[in-house]
Amino acid sequence: MKYGIAFCVLLTTLFACKSEDDGPGYTATPVSLEVPPLFEEYILPPVIPGENPLTEEGIALGKKLFFDPILSANNTQACADCHRPENAFTDPRQFSFGIDGSEGTRNSMPLHNLAWNYDQHFFWDGRAGTLEAQIFEPVTNPIEMANTWPNAVASLQNNNNYPLLFEQAFGSSTIDSTMVSKAIAQFLRTLVSANSKFDKYLLGETDLSPEEARGLNIFMDESRGDCFHCHGNPLNPLWTDNIFHNNGLDAFPQDKGLGSITGDPRDDGKFKSPSLRDLAFTAPYMHDGRFETIDEVIDHYSEGLVYSETIDPLMKKVAEGGVQLTPQEKSDLKAFLLSLSDPSFINNPDFQN
């Protein structure tokens, strides 16, 4: 009898130890990303890695981490400081500043519809091969959060709340940098923008103004706007090709973009085409934020193109300086571009702190 009792006690102790080591056996709640009708109709399904599926707990944890300055060296800067919801998760400053006041050299990219980045290259120069990999760099970048991952993980581990949140999301209260990147990536994949006026037009819910309709024609006309090669068309709701181009900004670019990553001089001056969605909220424009307004961007393509050896062949009118739009054509094109903006995206409570 006493041996039977002792055996039961031993089993209880073993199971208690296993539960403590391996987590409570809790399984996070799966989430399916809600795919907008236009995306479902025109493009491939979102890219959700099998090793990092979306869960309620993972998304909630990622959102908390995104808005929490705990990842920075001095607890003063969060991801959201350079990717602000009201600016479609970009920075209204030309360059973002790090925790010590250091100024960067590029404008932060907006964050939306990242789950449909089939090319799987992130940053302006494509140096990160996955969204999870992209998240690692800002924490350790000396002109951003200027931290080390061991220090960042220690801050989370010593926090009263985070160990439990990580256990709920990933089944372990022992935190590591991979889990941090996975959680933030889950949140970022939920940032879907698909409710612009033009989206509603394609769904038959509204009409374009005459100016917007003319602007669309200019956008799609190879002899006038010729914008669609890099930024898509009404059948591509991402409004980017997610490919790298030299769009004629500089003759001898100091920032070599993709070329600095590949080491191939044929890639010098090439940067990833940003989406044209939410332009009403994402100024300034270009990789270095050199243009403060959409009008300046249009002027660049109209009469400001600069030739260089790696300029994209799609910049067919570089010899003339650009496509030479009239003032009315510029106004119409701007009206169309603004119709791609989605106010509900920047006001979505699910994306706010």
Protein backbone atom coordinates (compact mmCIF):
# COMPACT_ATOMS: atom_id res chain seq x y z
CA MET A 1 0.00 0.00 0.00
CA LYS A 2 2.70 2.45 1.03
CA TYR A 3 4.66 1.65 -2.17
CA GLY A 4 1.55 2.37 -4.22
CA ILE A 5 1.16 5.74 -2.52
CA ALA A 6 4.84 6.50 -3.03
CA PHE A 7 4.55 5.62 -6.74
CA CYS A 8 1.57 7.93 -7.13
CA VAL A 9 3.48 10.75 -5.44
CA LEU A 10 6.42 10.15 -7.76
CA LEU A 11 4.19 10.27 -10.84
CA THR A 12 2.57 13.47 -9.61
CA THR A 13 5.99 15.01 -9.07
CA LEU A 14 7.20 13.96 -12.53
CA PHE A 15 4.14 15.39 -14.25
CA ALA A 16 4.46 18.60 -12.26
CA CYS A 17 8.09 18.95 -13.37
CA LYS A 18 7.16 18.23 -16.98
CA SER A 19 4.41 20.84 -16.88
CA GLU A 20 6.81 23.40 -15.44
CA ASP A 21 9.50 22.67 -18.03
CA ASP A 22 7.37 22.22 -21.12
CA GLY A 23 4.62 24.72 -20.44
CA PRO A 24 1.07 24.09 -19.30
CA GLY A 25 0.05 22.28 -22.45
CA TYR A 26 -1.79 25.42 -23.58
CA THR A 27 -2.45 25.79 -27.29
CA ALA A 28 -2.77 29.27 -28.73
CA THR A 29 -6.00 30.13 -30.54
CA PRO A 30 -5.60 29.92 -34.35
CA VAL A 31 -6.61 32.94 -36.45
CA SER A 32 -7.30 33.08 -40.17
CA LEU A 33 -6.31 36.35 -41.81
CA GLU A 34 -9.38 38.02 -43.24
CA VAL A 35 -8.67 38.36 -46.95
CA PRO A 36 -10.34 41.37 -48.66
CA PRO A 37 -12.63 40.46 -51.59
CA LEU A 38 -10.42 42.19 -54.17
CA PHE A 39 -7.33 40.40 -52.91
CA GLU A 40 -9.15 37.09 -52.99
CA GLU A 41 -10.27 37.71 -56.55
CA TYR A 42 -7.10 39.08 -58.12
CA ILE A 43 -4.00 37.86 -56.29
CA LEU A 44 -2.58 34.80 -54.58
CA PRO A 45 -3.34 33.94 -50.94
CA PRO A 46 -1.28 35.64 -48.20
CA VAL A 47 2.09 34.23 -47.19
CA ILE A 48 1.76 32.88 -43.64
CA PRO A 49 4.83 30.81 -42.65
CA GLY A 50 4.05 27.35 -41.35
CA GLU A 51 6.48 27.89 -38.48
CA ASN A 52 4.71 31.11 -37.43
CA PRO A 53 0.94 30.73 -37.85
CA LEU A 54 -1.34 33.52 -36.75
CA THR A 55 -2.90 33.16 -33.29
CA GLU A 56 -4.95 35.47 -31.10
CA GLU A 57 -2.33 35.37 -28.39
CA GLY A 58 0.61 35.87 -30.78
CA ILE A 59 -1.02 38.85 -32.48
CA ALA A 60 -1.90 40.47 -29.15
CA LEU A 61 1.64 39.96 -27.90
CA GLY A 62 3.11 41.34 -31.12
CA LYS A 63 0.94 44.44 -30.89
CA LYS A 64 2.01 45.04 -27.28
CA LEU A 65 5.68 44.67 -28.25
CA PHE A 66 5.24 46.98 -31.25
CA PHE A 67 4.06 49.85 -29.06
CA ASP A 68 6.32 49.15 -26.06
CA PRO A 69 9.72 50.96 -25.81
CA ILE A 70 11.06 48.07 -23.74
CA LEU A 71 13.05 46.72 -26.70
CA SER A 72 15.23 49.84 -26.92
CA ALA A 73 18.42 50.26 -24.91
CA ASN A 74 17.05 53.04 -22.71
CA ASN A 75 13.34 52.18 -22.82
CA THR A 76 12.45 55.33 -24.78
CA GLN A 77 11.70 54.12 -28.32
CA ALA A 78 9.13 51.68 -29.68
CA CYS A 79 8.62 50.38 -33.21
CA ALA A 80 5.56 52.64 -33.39
CA ASP A 81 7.68 55.76 -32.94
CA CYS A 82 9.01 55.38 -36.49
CA HIS A 83 5.95 53.53 -37.85
CA ARG A 84 3.00 55.60 -36.69
CA PRO A 85 -0.56 54.30 -37.20
CA GLU A 86 -1.84 57.75 -38.19
CA ASN A 87 0.73 57.84 -41.00
CA ALA A 88 -0.08 54.35 -42.31
CA PHE A 89 2.75 53.08 -40.12
CA THR A 90 5.49 55.25 -41.56
CA ASP A 91 7.25 58.34 -40.22
CA PRO A 92 6.16 61.89 -41.21
CA ARG A 93 9.76 63.04 -40.66
CA GLN A 94 12.19 62.72 -43.56
CA PHE A 95 14.48 60.58 -41.42
CA SER A 96 13.73 58.83 -38.17
CA PHE A 97 15.83 59.50 -35.08
CA GLY A 98 17.39 56.91 -32.80
CA ILE A 99 17.34 56.84 -29.02
CA ASP A 100 20.39 59.12 -28.75
CA GLY A 101 19.17 61.61 -31.34
CA SER A 102 21.11 60.03 -34.21
CA GLU A 103 19.46 60.67 -37.55
CA GLY A 104 18.99 57.90 -40.10
CA THR A 105 19.42 58.20 -43.85
CA ARG A 106 16.15 56.71 -45.11
CA ASN A 107 12.48 57.35 -44.64
CA SER A 108 10.75 54.47 -42.87
CA MET A 109 8.55 52.39 -45.16
CA PRO A 110 4.80 52.14 -44.51
CA LEU A 111 3.57 48.83 -43.11
CA HIS A 112 0.52 47.40 -44.81
CA ASN A 113 -0.45 44.28 -46.73
CA LEU A 114 2.89 42.69 -45.84
CA ALA A 115 1.39 39.20 -45.89
CA TRP A 116 1.18 39.51 -49.67
CA ASN A 117 4.85 40.34 -50.19
CA TYR A 118 5.52 37.30 -52.36
CA ASP A 119 9.01 38.48 -53.21
CA GLN A 120 9.88 38.14 -49.50
CA HIS A 121 12.46 40.92 -49.53
CA PHE A 122 12.02 43.68 -46.98
CA PHE A 123 13.53 47.14 -46.42
CA TRP A 124 14.15 49.60 -49.24
CA ASP A 125 17.22 47.58 -50.26
CA GLY A 126 15.74 44.11 -49.73
CA ARG A 127 18.33 43.00 -47.21
CA ALA A 128 15.87 40.99 -45.07
CA GLY A 129 14.55 37.78 -46.59
CA THR A 130 11.49 37.42 -44.35
CA LEU A 131 9.30 39.66 -42.26
CA GLU A 132 10.61 37.93 -39.15
CA ALA A 133 14.21 38.65 -40.21
CA GLN A 134 13.33 42.29 -40.86
CA ILE A 135 12.27 42.72 -37.24
CA PHE A 136 15.66 41.74 -35.83
CA GLU A 137 17.63 44.71 -37.16
CA PRO A 138 16.05 47.86 -35.63
CA VAL A 139 16.64 46.57 -32.09
CA THR A 140 20.41 46.38 -32.58
CA ASN A 141 20.88 49.18 -35.12
CA PRO A 142 23.11 51.82 -33.46
CA ILE A 143 21.07 54.70 -34.91
CA GLU A 144 17.72 53.17 -33.97
CA MET A 145 17.06 51.26 -30.74
CA ALA A 146 20.80 50.69 -30.14
CA ASN A 147 20.24 47.65 -27.95
CA THR A 148 21.53 44.09 -27.91
CA TRP A 149 19.18 41.16 -28.15
CA PRO A 150 20.41 39.62 -24.88
CA ASN A 151 19.63 42.89 -23.10
CA ALA A 152 16.24 43.21 -24.80
CA VAL A 153 15.31 39.62 -23.93
CA ALA A 154 16.46 40.12 -20.31
CA SER A 155 14.20 43.18 -20.01
CA LEU A 156 11.23 41.17 -21.22
CA GLN A 157 12.10 38.18 -19.03
CA ASN A 158 12.32 40.36 -15.93
CA ASN A 159 9.02 42.09 -16.68
CA ASN A 160 6.00 41.14 -14.58
CA ASN A 161 3.74 40.55 -17.60
CA TYR A 162 5.72 39.31 -20.57
CA PRO A 163 6.71 35.77 -19.45
CA LEU A 164 3.05 34.79 -19.10
CA LEU A 165 2.14 36.42 -22.43
CA PHE A 166 4.92 34.52 -24.21
CA GLU A 167 3.80 31.30 -22.56
CA GLN A 168 0.25 31.88 -23.78
CA ALA A 169 1.45 32.68 -27.31
CA PHE A 170 4.25 30.14 -27.74
CA GLY A 171 3.96 27.66 -24.88
CA SER A 172 7.11 28.79 -23.09
CA SER A 173 7.77 31.52 -20.54
CA THR A 174 11.47 31.42 -21.42
CA ILE A 175 11.74 34.26 -23.92
CA ASP A 176 14.12 34.46 -26.86
CA SER A 177 14.60 36.85 -29.78
CA THR A 178 13.01 34.47 -32.28
CA MET A 179 9.77 34.47 -30.32
CA VAL A 180 9.86 38.28 -30.19
CA SER A 181 10.27 38.54 -33.96
CA LYS A 182 7.53 35.98 -34.58
CA ALA A 183 5.05 37.82 -32.38
CA ILE A 184 5.66 41.21 -33.99
CA ALA A 185 5.51 39.63 -37.46
CA GLN A 186 2.12 38.14 -36.61
CA PHE A 187 0.78 41.57 -35.68
CA LEU A 188 2.24 43.19 -38.79
CA ARG A 189 0.59 40.62 -41.05
CA THR A 190 -2.80 41.73 -39.77
CA LEU A 191 -2.22 45.31 -41.01
CA VAL A 192 -4.44 45.06 -44.07
CA SER A 193 -5.41 48.15 -46.05
CA ALA A 194 -8.15 47.47 -48.61
CA ASN A 195 -10.95 49.99 -48.14
CA SER A 196 -9.99 53.00 -50.26
CA LYS A 197 -12.40 54.87 -52.49
CA PHE A 198 -10.89 53.07 -55.48
CA ASP A 199 -11.46 49.71 -53.78
CA LYS A 200 -15.08 50.66 -53.32
CA TYR A 201 -15.25 51.72 -56.97
CA LEU A 202 -13.99 48.31 -58.09
CA LEU A 203 -16.60 46.67 -55.86
CA GLY A 204 -19.35 48.75 -57.48
CA GLU A 205 -20.04 50.73 -54.31
CA THR A 206 -19.18 54.21 -55.61
CA ASP A 207 -18.12 56.10 -58.73
CA LEU A 208 -14.90 57.91 -59.52
CA SER A 209 -14.98 61.64 -60.04
CA PRO A 210 -14.18 62.83 -63.58
CA GLU A 211 -10.73 63.92 -62.35
CA GLU A 212 -10.01 60.53 -60.76
CA ALA A 213 -11.18 58.69 -63.89
CA ARG A 214 -8.93 60.80 -66.10
CA GLY A 215 -6.08 60.27 -63.66
CA LEU A 216 -6.51 56.50 -63.89
CA ASN A 217 -6.27 56.74 -67.67
CA ILE A 218 -3.06 58.76 -67.38
CA PHE A 219 -1.66 56.24 -64.88
CA MET A 220 -2.32 53.40 -67.34
CA ASP A 221 -1.17 55.24 -70.50
CA GLU A 222 2.38 54.36 -71.58
CA SER A 223 2.81 57.64 -73.43
CA ARG A 224 1.66 59.80 -70.52
CA GLY A 225 1.84 58.62 -66.91
CA ASP A 226 3.24 55.16 -67.59
CA CYS A 227 3.04 54.32 -63.88
CA PHE A 228 1.53 50.86 -64.01
CA HIS A 229 4.69 48.90 -64.87
CA CYS A 230 6.12 49.40 -61.37
CA HIS A 231 2.98 50.08 -59.38
CA GLY A 232 0.42 47.72 -60.83
CA ASN A 233 -3.09 48.28 -62.10
CA PRO A 234 -6.67 47.76 -60.94
CA LEU A 235 -6.08 43.99 -61.10
CA ASN A 236 -3.22 44.32 -58.59
CA PRO A 237 -4.68 45.64 -55.33
CA LEU A 238 -1.19 45.83 -53.78
CA TRP A 239 -0.31 48.75 -56.08
CA THR A 240 3.34 47.72 -56.24
CA ASP A 241 5.34 45.08 -58.07
CA ASN A 242 7.59 44.64 -54.98
CA ILE A 243 10.58 44.78 -57.35
CA PHE A 244 13.67 47.00 -57.26
CA HIS A 245 14.08 49.88 -59.72
CA ASN A 246 16.34 52.86 -60.35
CA ASN A 247 13.72 55.52 -60.99
CA GLY A 248 16.04 58.32 -62.04
CA LEU A 249 16.59 60.19 -58.81
CA ASP A 250 20.37 60.69 -59.03
CA ALA A 251 23.14 60.41 -61.59
CA PHE A 252 25.64 59.05 -59.04
CA PRO A 253 23.64 57.88 -56.03
CA GLN A 254 25.46 57.94 -52.71
CA ASP A 255 22.95 55.45 -51.34
CA LYS A 256 23.38 52.45 -53.62
CA GLY A 257 20.26 50.66 -52.40
CA LEU A 258 20.08 47.09 -53.65
CA GLY A 259 23.63 47.41 -54.97
CA SER A 260 24.95 47.80 -51.43
CA ILE A 261 23.46 44.40 -50.60
CA THR A 262 24.28 42.40 -53.74
CA GLY A 263 27.65 44.06 -54.43
CA ASP A 264 26.65 44.15 -58.09
CA PRO A 265 27.18 47.64 -59.60
CA ARG A 266 24.28 46.90 -61.95
CA ASP A 267 22.01 47.15 -58.88
CA ASP A 268 23.28 50.56 -57.75
CA GLY A 269 20.51 53.06 -57.16
CA LYS A 270 17.75 50.44 -57.19
CA PHE A 271 15.13 50.57 -54.44
CA LYS A 272 11.98 48.62 -53.82
CA SER A 273 8.81 50.05 -55.34
CA PRO A 274 6.60 51.19 -52.46
CA SER A 275 2.87 50.66 -52.58
CA LEU A 276 0.82 53.62 -53.74
CA ARG A 277 -1.80 52.89 -51.13
CA ASP A 278 -2.43 55.51 -48.45
CA LEU A 279 -0.32 58.23 -50.06
CA ALA A 280 -2.54 60.80 -48.34
CA PHE A 281 -0.94 59.77 -45.04
CA THR A 282 2.63 58.68 -45.89
CA ALA A 283 4.51 61.86 -46.83
CA PRO A 284 7.39 62.44 -47.35
CA TYR A 285 8.12 60.20 -50.33
CA MET A 286 10.98 58.16 -51.84
CA HIS A 287 13.53 56.11 -49.93
CA ASP A 288 15.18 59.25 -48.61
CA GLY A 289 12.02 61.29 -48.08
CA ARG A 290 13.26 63.98 -50.47
CA PHE A 291 9.79 64.89 -51.73
CA GLU A 292 7.40 66.45 -49.25
CA THR A 293 4.31 66.35 -51.47
CA ILE A 294 2.67 64.16 -54.10
CA ASP A 295 2.99 67.11 -56.48
CA GLU A 296 6.77 66.93 -56.19
CA VAL A 297 6.70 63.19 -56.91
CA ILE A 298 4.63 63.76 -60.04
CA ASP A 299 6.95 66.60 -61.12
CA HIS A 300 9.90 64.22 -60.80
CA TYR A 301 8.42 61.72 -63.24
CA SER A 302 7.13 64.48 -65.49
CA GLU A 303 10.28 66.52 -65.96
CA GLY A 304 12.82 65.61 -63.28
CA LEU A 305 14.29 62.25 -64.34
CA VAL A 306 18.08 61.99 -64.15
CA TYR A 307 20.00 59.52 -66.28
CA SER A 308 22.45 57.05 -64.75
CA GLU A 309 23.96 53.82 -66.00
CA THR A 310 21.54 51.67 -64.00
CA ILE A 311 18.37 53.62 -64.69
CA ASP A 312 15.43 51.30 -65.27
CA PRO A 313 14.52 50.72 -68.93
CA LEU A 314 10.95 51.55 -67.92
CA MET A 315 12.04 55.18 -67.53
CA LYS A 316 11.66 55.42 -71.30
CA LYS A 317 11.54 59.22 -71.51
CA VAL A 318 14.56 60.00 -69.39
CA ALA A 319 16.19 61.77 -72.33
CA GLU A 320 13.35 64.31 -72.26
CA GLY A 321 13.48 64.54 -68.48
CA GLY A 322 10.22 62.64 -68.08
CA VAL A 323 6.75 62.16 -69.49
CA GLN A 324 6.04 65.91 -69.68
CA LEU A 325 2.54 66.07 -68.21
CA THR A 326 0.41 69.19 -68.50
CA PRO A 327 -0.79 70.94 -65.31
CA GLN A 328 -4.26 69.43 -65.81
CA GLU A 329 -2.84 65.95 -66.28
CA LYS A 330 -0.81 66.33 -63.11
CA SER A 331 -3.89 67.40 -61.19
CA ASP A 332 -5.92 64.48 -62.53
CA LEU A 333 -3.18 61.96 -61.76
CA LYS A 334 -2.92 63.28 -58.21
CA ALA A 335 -6.69 62.91 -57.76
CA PHE A 336 -6.50 59.28 -58.82
CA LEU A 337 -3.51 58.54 -56.56
CA LEU A 338 -5.35 59.99 -53.57
CA SER A 339 -8.31 57.71 -54.29
CA LEU A 340 -6.05 54.81 -53.24
CA SER A 341 -5.96 56.05 -49.64
CA ASP A 342 -7.88 54.21 -46.94
CA PRO A 343 -8.92 56.34 -43.92
CA SER A 344 -10.37 53.30 -42.16
CA PHE A 345 -6.89 51.76 -42.08
CA ILE A 346 -5.28 54.54 -40.06
CA ASN A 347 -8.32 54.65 -37.74
CA ASN A 348 -8.73 50.91 -37.20
CA PRO A 349 -8.87 50.38 -33.40
CA ASP A 350 -7.24 46.96 -33.82
CA PHE A 351 -4.11 48.74 -34.99
CA GLN A 352 -3.97 51.43 -32.30
CA ASN A 353 -2.11 51.34 -29.01
